[in-house]
Amino acid sequence: MMELRILIWTFRSGVRFPLLFLKLIFWNYKTNNMTKRKIKVSVWRMLRWINRKLEKKIDLTESQKMGMRIFDRTVSIKDAEIFLSPLSDSIYVEVNDIYIILEGSDLQIINGKFRYDLHYPDSIRSRMRNKILNILEYRRIEVEKRIKTKSDRTLNSILDEVEVIRKDKGQ
């Protein structure tokens, strides 16, 4: 008889779930010829399910829930300016006249006239911080791609110029 041990796997985001689930996914991958994309989707669905369960356990007031919705929607705007201060561990988000400051476990929402101060548990604060870090990483990757394509373009133009010079000199 096979003994099943349930080990807990912890991701960088702090999400924990049984390692047995991962084994089942990879077993399913081998037997049903699942693509890597399908594996990622199934793991993502499981993580989303776990996050929903964890969110239900944390009791938030209506103003805290509204603050989280404002934070999520503001951060998802592509034109949002996001600044990260590693020394003070603060995050600043600016969109038009709306400013959001995440310092420690406190979230400040400023709309030009009013300032709302909200306090969150550490688990929610870490989720907000991870969301910001993921967005910044995504933007960094986009900038890196743009820089590399421009450098390739300039190298190609230099090569074309060298070929023209070479033909003109008759070599």
N, C-alpha and C. Protein backbone atom coordinates (compact mmCIF):
# COMPACT_ATOMS: atom_id res chain seq x y z
N MET A 1 0.84 -1.18 0.00
CA MET A 1 0.00 0.00 0.00
C MET A 1 0.88 1.24 0.00
N MET A 2 0.47 2.21 -0.83
CA MET A 2 1.27 3.42 -0.98
C MET A 2 0.94 4.42 0.12
N GLU A 3 1.98 4.97 0.68
CA GLU A 3 1.78 5.94 1.75
C GLU A 3 1.78 7.34 1.14
N LEU A 4 0.77 8.12 1.46
CA LEU A 4 0.68 9.49 0.97
C LEU A 4 1.08 10.45 2.08
N ARG A 5 2.09 11.22 1.80
CA ARG A 5 2.49 12.25 2.74
C ARG A 5 2.15 13.59 2.11
N ILE A 6 1.49 14.42 2.83
CA ILE A 6 1.14 15.73 2.31
C ILE A 6 2.20 16.72 2.78
N LEU A 7 2.98 17.17 1.84
CA LEU A 7 3.99 18.19 2.13
C LEU A 7 3.43 19.54 1.70
N ILE A 8 3.85 20.57 2.38
CA ILE A 8 3.37 21.90 2.06
C ILE A 8 4.45 22.63 1.27
N TRP A 9 4.08 23.16 0.11
CA TRP A 9 4.99 23.92 -0.75
C TRP A 9 4.69 25.40 -0.56
N THR A 10 5.71 26.19 -0.34
CA THR A 10 5.53 27.62 -0.14
C THR A 10 6.14 28.37 -1.32
N PHE A 11 5.33 29.20 -1.96
CA PHE A 11 5.80 30.01 -3.07
C PHE A 11 6.38 31.32 -2.55
N ARG A 12 7.07 32.06 -3.44
CA ARG A 12 7.64 33.34 -3.06
C ARG A 12 6.58 34.31 -2.57
N SER A 13 5.38 34.19 -3.10
CA SER A 13 4.31 35.10 -2.70
C SER A 13 3.75 34.76 -1.33
N GLY A 14 4.21 33.67 -0.72
CA GLY A 14 3.73 33.29 0.60
C GLY A 14 2.57 32.33 0.54
N VAL A 15 2.13 31.98 -0.67
CA VAL A 15 1.00 31.06 -0.81
C VAL A 15 1.51 29.65 -0.57
N ARG A 16 0.78 28.90 0.25
CA ARG A 16 1.17 27.54 0.57
C ARG A 16 0.04 26.60 0.18
N PHE A 17 0.38 25.48 -0.43
CA PHE A 17 -0.62 24.44 -0.64
C PHE A 17 0.07 23.10 -0.78
N PRO A 18 -0.69 22.03 -0.67
CA PRO A 18 -0.07 20.71 -0.62
C PRO A 18 0.73 20.38 -1.88
N LEU A 19 1.88 19.78 -1.66
CA LEU A 19 2.74 19.37 -2.76
C LEU A 19 2.08 18.25 -3.56
N LEU A 20 1.14 17.57 -2.95
CA LEU A 20 0.42 16.50 -3.63
C LEU A 20 -0.28 17.04 -4.87
N PHE A 21 -0.81 18.26 -4.80
CA PHE A 21 -1.47 18.87 -5.95
C PHE A 21 -0.49 19.04 -7.11
N LEU A 22 0.73 19.50 -6.80
CA LEU A 22 1.73 19.66 -7.86
C LEU A 22 2.08 18.32 -8.49
N LYS A 23 2.20 17.29 -7.66
CA LYS A 23 2.51 15.96 -8.19
C LYS A 23 1.40 15.47 -9.12
N LEU A 24 0.15 15.74 -8.74
CA LEU A 24 -0.97 15.33 -9.60
C LEU A 24 -0.95 16.07 -10.93
N ILE A 25 -0.62 17.35 -10.89
CA ILE A 25 -0.57 18.12 -12.14
C ILE A 25 0.51 17.55 -13.05
N PHE A 26 1.71 17.31 -12.53
CA PHE A 26 2.78 16.82 -13.37
C PHE A 26 2.55 15.37 -13.81
N TRP A 27 1.87 14.58 -12.99
CA TRP A 27 1.50 13.23 -13.42
C TRP A 27 0.51 13.33 -14.57
N ASN A 28 -0.45 14.24 -14.45
CA ASN A 28 -1.42 14.47 -15.51
C ASN A 28 -0.72 14.97 -16.77
N TYR A 29 0.33 15.76 -16.61
CA TYR A 29 1.10 16.26 -17.74
C TYR A 29 1.73 15.12 -18.52
N LYS A 30 2.29 14.15 -17.81
CA LYS A 30 2.96 13.04 -18.47
C LYS A 30 1.96 12.09 -19.13
N THR A 31 0.85 11.82 -18.46
CA THR A 31 -0.08 10.83 -18.99
C THR A 31 -0.99 11.38 -20.08
N ASN A 32 -1.37 12.65 -19.99
CA ASN A 32 -2.31 13.21 -20.95
C ASN A 32 -1.66 14.17 -21.94
N ASN A 33 -0.36 14.21 -21.96
CA ASN A 33 0.37 15.09 -22.88
C ASN A 33 -0.10 16.54 -22.78
N MET A 34 -0.21 17.01 -21.56
CA MET A 34 -0.59 18.41 -21.35
C MET A 34 0.56 19.31 -21.76
N THR A 35 0.23 20.46 -22.30
CA THR A 35 1.26 21.41 -22.66
C THR A 35 1.68 22.19 -21.42
N LYS A 36 2.80 22.87 -21.52
CA LYS A 36 3.26 23.68 -20.39
C LYS A 36 2.26 24.78 -20.09
N ARG A 37 1.62 25.27 -21.11
CA ARG A 37 0.60 26.32 -20.93
C ARG A 37 -0.55 25.81 -20.06
N LYS A 38 -1.01 24.58 -20.33
CA LYS A 38 -2.11 24.02 -19.54
C LYS A 38 -1.70 23.82 -18.09
N ILE A 39 -0.44 23.45 -17.88
CA ILE A 39 0.04 23.29 -16.51
C ILE A 39 0.04 24.63 -15.80
N LYS A 40 0.54 25.66 -16.48
CA LYS A 40 0.56 26.99 -15.87
C LYS A 40 -0.86 27.46 -15.54
N VAL A 41 -1.79 27.20 -16.44
CA VAL A 41 -3.17 27.61 -16.21
C VAL A 41 -3.75 26.87 -15.01
N SER A 42 -3.50 25.59 -14.90
CA SER A 42 -4.07 24.83 -13.77
C SER A 42 -3.44 25.27 -12.45
N VAL A 43 -2.14 25.55 -12.43
CA VAL A 43 -1.50 26.04 -11.21
C VAL A 43 -2.04 27.42 -10.88
N TRP A 44 -2.20 28.28 -11.89
CA TRP A 44 -2.73 29.62 -11.67
C TRP A 44 -4.15 29.56 -11.10
N ARG A 45 -4.97 28.65 -11.61
CA ARG A 45 -6.33 28.52 -11.09
C ARG A 45 -6.32 28.08 -9.63
N MET A 46 -5.43 27.16 -9.31
CA MET A 46 -5.33 26.68 -7.94
C MET A 46 -4.87 27.81 -7.01
N LEU A 47 -3.88 28.59 -7.45
CA LEU A 47 -3.41 29.71 -6.63
C LEU A 47 -4.52 30.75 -6.44
N ARG A 48 -5.27 31.02 -7.49
CA ARG A 48 -6.37 31.97 -7.39
C ARG A 48 -7.43 31.47 -6.41
N TRP A 49 -7.72 30.18 -6.47
CA TRP A 49 -8.68 29.58 -5.55
C TRP A 49 -8.22 29.72 -4.11
N ILE A 50 -6.93 29.45 -3.88
CA ILE A 50 -6.37 29.55 -2.54
C ILE A 50 -6.40 30.99 -2.06
N ASN A 51 -6.06 31.93 -2.94
CA ASN A 51 -6.10 33.34 -2.55
C ASN A 51 -7.51 33.77 -2.16
N ARG A 52 -8.50 33.30 -2.89
CA ARG A 52 -9.89 33.63 -2.53
C ARG A 52 -10.24 33.08 -1.16
N LYS A 53 -9.80 31.84 -0.88
CA LYS A 53 -10.07 31.25 0.43
C LYS A 53 -9.38 32.05 1.54
N LEU A 54 -8.14 32.48 1.28
CA LEU A 54 -7.42 33.25 2.28
C LEU A 54 -8.06 34.62 2.50
N GLU A 55 -8.54 35.24 1.42
CA GLU A 55 -9.18 36.54 1.54
C GLU A 55 -10.46 36.45 2.35
N LYS A 56 -11.17 35.35 2.22
CA LYS A 56 -12.41 35.20 2.96
C LYS A 56 -12.15 35.11 4.47
N LYS A 57 -11.00 34.61 4.86
CA LYS A 57 -10.70 34.46 6.27
C LYS A 57 -10.39 35.80 6.93
N ILE A 58 -9.90 36.77 6.17
CA ILE A 58 -9.53 38.06 6.72
C ILE A 58 -10.76 38.97 6.67
N ASP A 59 -11.15 39.45 7.83
CA ASP A 59 -12.31 40.34 7.91
C ASP A 59 -11.84 41.78 7.70
N LEU A 60 -12.36 42.42 6.66
CA LEU A 60 -12.04 43.81 6.37
C LEU A 60 -13.29 44.66 6.46
N THR A 61 -13.09 45.90 6.82
CA THR A 61 -14.22 46.82 6.83
C THR A 61 -14.53 47.23 5.39
N GLU A 62 -15.67 47.87 5.20
CA GLU A 62 -16.06 48.31 3.86
C GLU A 62 -15.07 49.32 3.30
N SER A 63 -14.57 50.22 4.15
CA SER A 63 -13.61 51.21 3.67
C SER A 63 -12.29 50.55 3.27
N GLN A 64 -11.86 49.50 3.98
CA GLN A 64 -10.64 48.78 3.60
C GLN A 64 -10.84 48.06 2.27
N LYS A 65 -12.01 47.45 2.08
CA LYS A 65 -12.28 46.77 0.81
C LYS A 65 -12.30 47.78 -0.34
N MET A 66 -12.91 48.94 -0.11
CA MET A 66 -12.95 49.98 -1.13
C MET A 66 -11.53 50.48 -1.44
N GLY A 67 -10.71 50.63 -0.40
CA GLY A 67 -9.33 51.05 -0.59
C GLY A 67 -8.54 50.04 -1.42
N MET A 68 -8.77 48.75 -1.19
CA MET A 68 -8.09 47.72 -1.99
C MET A 68 -8.54 47.78 -3.44
N ARG A 69 -9.84 47.99 -3.68
CA ARG A 69 -10.34 48.09 -5.06
C ARG A 69 -9.73 49.31 -5.76
N ILE A 70 -9.67 50.43 -5.05
CA ILE A 70 -9.05 51.63 -5.62
C ILE A 70 -7.59 51.37 -5.94
N PHE A 71 -6.89 50.73 -5.02
CA PHE A 71 -5.47 50.41 -5.24
C PHE A 71 -5.30 49.52 -6.46
N ASP A 72 -6.08 48.44 -6.54
CA ASP A 72 -5.95 47.50 -7.66
C ASP A 72 -6.24 48.17 -9.00
N ARG A 73 -7.29 48.96 -9.04
CA ARG A 73 -7.67 49.59 -10.31
C ARG A 73 -6.70 50.70 -10.70
N THR A 74 -6.18 51.42 -9.73
CA THR A 74 -5.22 52.49 -10.03
C THR A 74 -3.91 51.90 -10.53
N VAL A 75 -3.46 50.86 -9.90
CA VAL A 75 -2.20 50.23 -10.29
C VAL A 75 -2.31 49.59 -11.67
N SER A 76 -3.48 49.11 -12.04
CA SER A 76 -3.64 48.45 -13.33
C SER A 76 -3.66 49.41 -14.51
N ILE A 77 -3.77 50.72 -14.25
CA ILE A 77 -3.73 51.70 -15.33
C ILE A 77 -2.31 51.78 -15.86
N LYS A 78 -2.16 51.69 -17.18
CA LYS A 78 -0.82 51.66 -17.77
C LYS A 78 -0.07 52.97 -17.60
N ASP A 79 -0.79 54.10 -17.53
CA ASP A 79 -0.13 55.40 -17.39
C ASP A 79 0.20 55.75 -15.94
N ALA A 80 -0.06 54.85 -15.02
CA ALA A 80 0.22 55.12 -13.61
C ALA A 80 1.73 55.18 -13.40
N GLU A 81 2.15 56.22 -12.71
CA GLU A 81 3.56 56.35 -12.37
C GLU A 81 3.76 55.67 -11.01
N ILE A 82 4.66 54.69 -10.98
CA ILE A 82 4.89 53.93 -9.76
C ILE A 82 6.34 54.15 -9.33
N PHE A 83 6.50 54.53 -8.07
CA PHE A 83 7.82 54.76 -7.52
C PHE A 83 7.99 53.87 -6.30
N LEU A 84 9.14 53.23 -6.23
CA LEU A 84 9.44 52.31 -5.12
C LEU A 84 10.66 52.84 -4.39
N SER A 85 10.52 53.03 -3.09
CA SER A 85 11.63 53.48 -2.26
C SER A 85 12.13 52.30 -1.43
N PRO A 86 13.25 51.71 -1.82
CA PRO A 86 13.72 50.52 -1.10
C PRO A 86 14.21 50.82 0.32
N LEU A 87 14.70 52.02 0.56
CA LEU A 87 15.20 52.34 1.90
C LEU A 87 14.08 52.50 2.91
N SER A 88 13.04 53.23 2.54
CA SER A 88 11.93 53.43 3.47
C SER A 88 10.83 52.40 3.29
N ASP A 89 10.99 51.52 2.31
CA ASP A 89 10.01 50.47 2.01
C ASP A 89 8.63 51.08 1.74
N SER A 90 8.63 52.16 0.96
CA SER A 90 7.39 52.84 0.61
C SER A 90 7.15 52.73 -0.88
N ILE A 91 5.89 52.74 -1.25
CA ILE A 91 5.49 52.68 -2.65
C ILE A 91 4.58 53.87 -2.91
N TYR A 92 4.87 54.59 -4.00
CA TYR A 92 4.09 55.75 -4.38
C TYR A 92 3.50 55.51 -5.76
N VAL A 93 2.20 55.75 -5.90
CA VAL A 93 1.51 55.59 -7.18
C VAL A 93 0.81 56.91 -7.48
N GLU A 94 0.98 57.38 -8.72
CA GLU A 94 0.36 58.64 -9.10
C GLU A 94 -0.35 58.46 -10.44
N VAL A 95 -1.64 58.84 -10.45
CA VAL A 95 -2.43 58.86 -11.68
C VAL A 95 -3.24 60.14 -11.65
N ASN A 96 -2.98 61.02 -12.61
CA ASN A 96 -3.64 62.32 -12.67
C ASN A 96 -3.53 63.02 -11.32
N ASP A 97 -4.65 63.26 -10.65
CA ASP A 97 -4.62 63.93 -9.35
C ASP A 97 -4.86 62.97 -8.20
N ILE A 98 -4.70 61.70 -8.44
CA ILE A 98 -4.90 60.69 -7.40
C ILE A 98 -3.52 60.14 -7.00
N TYR A 99 -3.26 60.17 -5.70
CA TYR A 99 -1.98 59.69 -5.18
C TYR A 99 -2.26 58.59 -4.17
N ILE A 100 -1.49 57.52 -4.28
CA ILE A 100 -1.61 56.41 -3.34
C ILE A 100 -0.23 56.15 -2.76
N ILE A 101 -0.17 56.09 -1.44
CA ILE A 101 1.10 55.85 -0.75
C ILE A 101 0.92 54.63 0.14
N LEU A 102 1.79 53.64 -0.04
CA LEU A 102 1.78 52.44 0.78
C LEU A 102 3.06 52.44 1.62
N GLU A 103 2.91 52.74 2.91
CA GLU A 103 4.03 52.78 3.83
C GLU A 103 3.75 51.80 4.96
N GLY A 104 4.57 50.80 5.07
CA GLY A 104 4.33 49.79 6.09
C GLY A 104 3.00 49.10 5.83
N SER A 105 2.14 49.08 6.80
CA SER A 105 0.81 48.49 6.63
C SER A 105 -0.27 49.54 6.44
N ASP A 106 0.15 50.78 6.20
CA ASP A 106 -0.79 51.88 6.03
C ASP A 106 -0.89 52.27 4.56
N LEU A 107 -2.11 52.47 4.11
CA LEU A 107 -2.37 52.91 2.75
C LEU A 107 -3.03 54.27 2.82
N GLN A 108 -2.43 55.24 2.15
CA GLN A 108 -3.00 56.58 2.09
C GLN A 108 -3.49 56.83 0.67
N ILE A 109 -4.73 57.27 0.56
CA ILE A 109 -5.30 57.62 -0.74
C ILE A 109 -5.62 59.10 -0.69
N ILE A 110 -5.02 59.86 -1.62
CA ILE A 110 -5.18 61.31 -1.65
C ILE A 110 -5.72 61.68 -3.02
N ASN A 111 -6.84 62.40 -3.04
CA ASN A 111 -7.43 62.79 -4.32
C ASN A 111 -7.35 64.29 -4.57
N GLY A 112 -6.55 65.01 -3.83
CA GLY A 112 -6.41 66.44 -4.01
C GLY A 112 -7.18 67.23 -2.97
N LYS A 113 -8.31 66.73 -2.54
CA LYS A 113 -9.13 67.42 -1.52
C LYS A 113 -9.11 66.67 -0.20
N PHE A 114 -9.19 65.36 -0.29
CA PHE A 114 -9.30 64.55 0.92
C PHE A 114 -8.16 63.54 0.98
N ARG A 115 -7.87 63.13 2.20
CA ARG A 115 -6.84 62.11 2.43
C ARG A 115 -7.46 61.02 3.29
N TYR A 116 -7.35 59.80 2.80
CA TYR A 116 -7.92 58.65 3.51
C TYR A 116 -6.78 57.76 3.99
N ASP A 117 -6.75 57.48 5.27
CA ASP A 117 -5.73 56.62 5.85
C ASP A 117 -6.37 55.29 6.22
N LEU A 118 -5.82 54.21 5.67
CA LEU A 118 -6.34 52.88 5.92
C LEU A 118 -5.21 52.00 6.44
N HIS A 119 -5.51 51.13 7.37
CA HIS A 119 -4.53 50.20 7.92
C HIS A 119 -4.93 48.78 7.54
N TYR A 120 -3.96 47.99 7.07
CA TYR A 120 -4.22 46.63 6.62
C TYR A 120 -3.34 45.64 7.38
N PRO A 121 -3.79 44.38 7.45
CA PRO A 121 -2.92 43.33 8.02
C PRO A 121 -1.70 43.09 7.11
N ASP A 122 -0.68 42.49 7.67
CA ASP A 122 0.55 42.26 6.93
C ASP A 122 0.35 41.39 5.70
N SER A 123 -0.55 40.42 5.76
CA SER A 123 -0.76 39.53 4.61
C SER A 123 -1.28 40.31 3.40
N ILE A 124 -2.20 41.23 3.65
CA ILE A 124 -2.74 42.02 2.54
C ILE A 124 -1.71 43.02 2.06
N ARG A 125 -0.94 43.58 2.96
CA ARG A 125 0.12 44.50 2.57
C ARG A 125 1.15 43.81 1.68
N SER A 126 1.49 42.58 2.00
CA SER A 126 2.46 41.85 1.17
C SER A 126 1.87 41.54 -0.20
N ARG A 127 0.56 41.28 -0.28
CA ARG A 127 -0.07 41.08 -1.59
C ARG A 127 -0.02 42.34 -2.43
N MET A 128 -0.30 43.48 -1.79
CA MET A 128 -0.24 44.75 -2.52
C MET A 128 1.18 45.02 -3.01
N ARG A 129 2.15 44.78 -2.16
CA ARG A 129 3.55 45.00 -2.53
C ARG A 129 3.97 44.06 -3.66
N ASN A 130 3.57 42.79 -3.59
CA ASN A 130 3.91 41.85 -4.65
C ASN A 130 3.27 42.25 -5.97
N LYS A 131 2.07 42.78 -5.92
CA LYS A 131 1.41 43.23 -7.15
C LYS A 131 2.22 44.36 -7.79
N ILE A 132 2.66 45.31 -6.98
CA ILE A 132 3.48 46.42 -7.49
C ILE A 132 4.79 45.89 -8.06
N LEU A 133 5.44 44.98 -7.35
CA LEU A 133 6.71 44.44 -7.82
C LEU A 133 6.54 43.69 -9.14
N ASN A 134 5.44 42.96 -9.31
CA ASN A 134 5.18 42.27 -10.56
C ASN A 134 4.98 43.25 -11.71
N ILE A 135 4.26 44.34 -11.45
CA ILE A 135 4.04 45.35 -12.48
C ILE A 135 5.36 46.02 -12.87
N LEU A 136 6.17 46.35 -11.87
CA LEU A 136 7.46 46.97 -12.16
C LEU A 136 8.38 46.03 -12.93
N GLU A 137 8.36 44.76 -12.60
CA GLU A 137 9.17 43.78 -13.32
C GLU A 137 8.71 43.65 -14.77
N TYR A 138 7.40 43.65 -14.98
CA TYR A 138 6.86 43.58 -16.33
C TYR A 138 7.28 44.81 -17.14
N ARG A 139 7.22 45.98 -16.53
CA ARG A 139 7.64 47.20 -17.22
C ARG A 139 9.13 47.17 -17.52
N ARG A 140 9.94 46.64 -16.60
CA ARG A 140 11.38 46.54 -16.83
C ARG A 140 11.67 45.64 -18.01
N ILE A 141 10.95 44.53 -18.12
CA ILE A 141 11.14 43.60 -19.24
C ILE A 141 10.78 44.28 -20.56
N GLU A 142 9.70 45.07 -20.56
CA GLU A 142 9.32 45.78 -21.78
C GLU A 142 10.40 46.77 -22.20
N VAL A 143 10.95 47.51 -21.25
CA VAL A 143 12.01 48.47 -21.55
C VAL A 143 13.25 47.74 -22.07
N GLU A 144 13.57 46.62 -21.46
CA GLU A 144 14.73 45.84 -21.90
C GLU A 144 14.56 45.37 -23.34
N LYS A 145 13.35 44.92 -23.68
CA LYS A 145 13.08 44.49 -25.06
C LYS A 145 13.23 45.65 -26.03
N ARG A 146 12.70 46.83 -25.65
CA ARG A 146 12.83 48.00 -26.53
C ARG A 146 14.28 48.37 -26.74
N ILE A 147 15.07 48.34 -25.67
CA ILE A 147 16.48 48.69 -25.78
C ILE A 147 17.20 47.71 -26.68
N LYS A 148 16.94 46.42 -26.52
CA LYS A 148 17.61 45.42 -27.34
C LYS A 148 17.23 45.53 -28.80
N THR A 149 15.95 45.81 -29.10
CA THR A 149 15.56 45.94 -30.51
C THR A 149 16.18 47.18 -31.12
N LYS A 150 16.32 48.25 -30.37
CA LYS A 150 16.95 49.46 -30.90
C LYS A 150 18.43 49.22 -31.14
N SER A 151 19.09 48.50 -30.25
CA SER A 151 20.51 48.24 -30.45
C SER A 151 20.70 47.31 -31.65
N ASP A 152 19.79 46.35 -31.86
CA ASP A 152 19.89 45.50 -33.04
C ASP A 152 19.68 46.31 -34.31
N ARG A 153 18.71 47.24 -34.25
CA ARG A 153 18.44 48.07 -35.40
C ARG A 153 19.65 48.93 -35.75
N THR A 154 20.30 49.50 -34.76
CA THR A 154 21.45 50.33 -35.03
C THR A 154 22.62 49.50 -35.54
N LEU A 155 22.79 48.28 -35.05
CA LEU A 155 23.85 47.42 -35.55
C LEU A 155 23.59 47.04 -37.01
N ASN A 156 22.33 46.78 -37.34
CA ASN A 156 22.00 46.48 -38.74
C ASN A 156 22.28 47.68 -39.64
N SER A 157 21.94 48.87 -39.18
CA SER A 157 22.21 50.06 -39.99
C SER A 157 23.71 50.28 -40.14
N ILE A 158 24.49 50.02 -39.09
CA ILE A 158 25.95 50.14 -39.18
C ILE A 158 26.50 49.13 -40.17
N LEU A 159 25.98 47.91 -40.14
CA LEU A 159 26.43 46.89 -41.08
C LEU A 159 26.11 47.30 -42.51
N ASP A 160 24.93 47.86 -42.74
CA ASP A 160 24.56 48.32 -44.08
C ASP A 160 25.49 49.43 -44.55
N GLU A 161 25.83 50.36 -43.65
CA GLU A 161 26.75 51.43 -44.01
C GLU A 161 28.13 50.89 -44.36
N VAL A 162 28.59 49.90 -43.60
CA VAL A 162 29.90 49.30 -43.88
C VAL A 162 29.88 48.60 -45.23
N GLU A 163 28.79 47.93 -45.56
CA GLU A 163 28.67 47.26 -46.86
C GLU A 163 28.69 48.27 -48.00
N VAL A 164 28.01 49.40 -47.83
CA VAL A 164 28.00 50.44 -48.86
C VAL A 164 29.41 51.01 -49.05
N ILE A 165 30.10 51.27 -47.95
CA ILE A 165 31.46 51.79 -48.03
C ILE A 165 32.37 50.77 -48.70
N ARG A 166 32.19 49.52 -48.39
CA ARG A 166 33.02 48.46 -48.97
C ARG A 166 32.81 48.36 -50.49
N LYS A 167 31.57 48.47 -50.93
CA LYS A 167 31.27 48.41 -52.36
C LYS A 167 31.84 49.62 -53.10
N ASP A 168 31.76 50.79 -52.43
CA ASP A 168 32.30 52.01 -53.05
C ASP A 168 33.79 51.94 -53.22
N LYS A 169 34.50 51.31 -52.34
CA LYS A 169 35.95 51.19 -52.43
C LYS A 169 36.38 50.05 -53.35
N GLY A 170 35.42 49.21 -53.75
CA GLY A 170 35.72 48.15 -54.69
C GLY A 170 36.32 46.91 -54.07
N GLN A 171 36.05 46.63 -52.86
CA GLN A 171 36.63 45.44 -52.23
C GLN A 171 35.64 44.34 -52.14
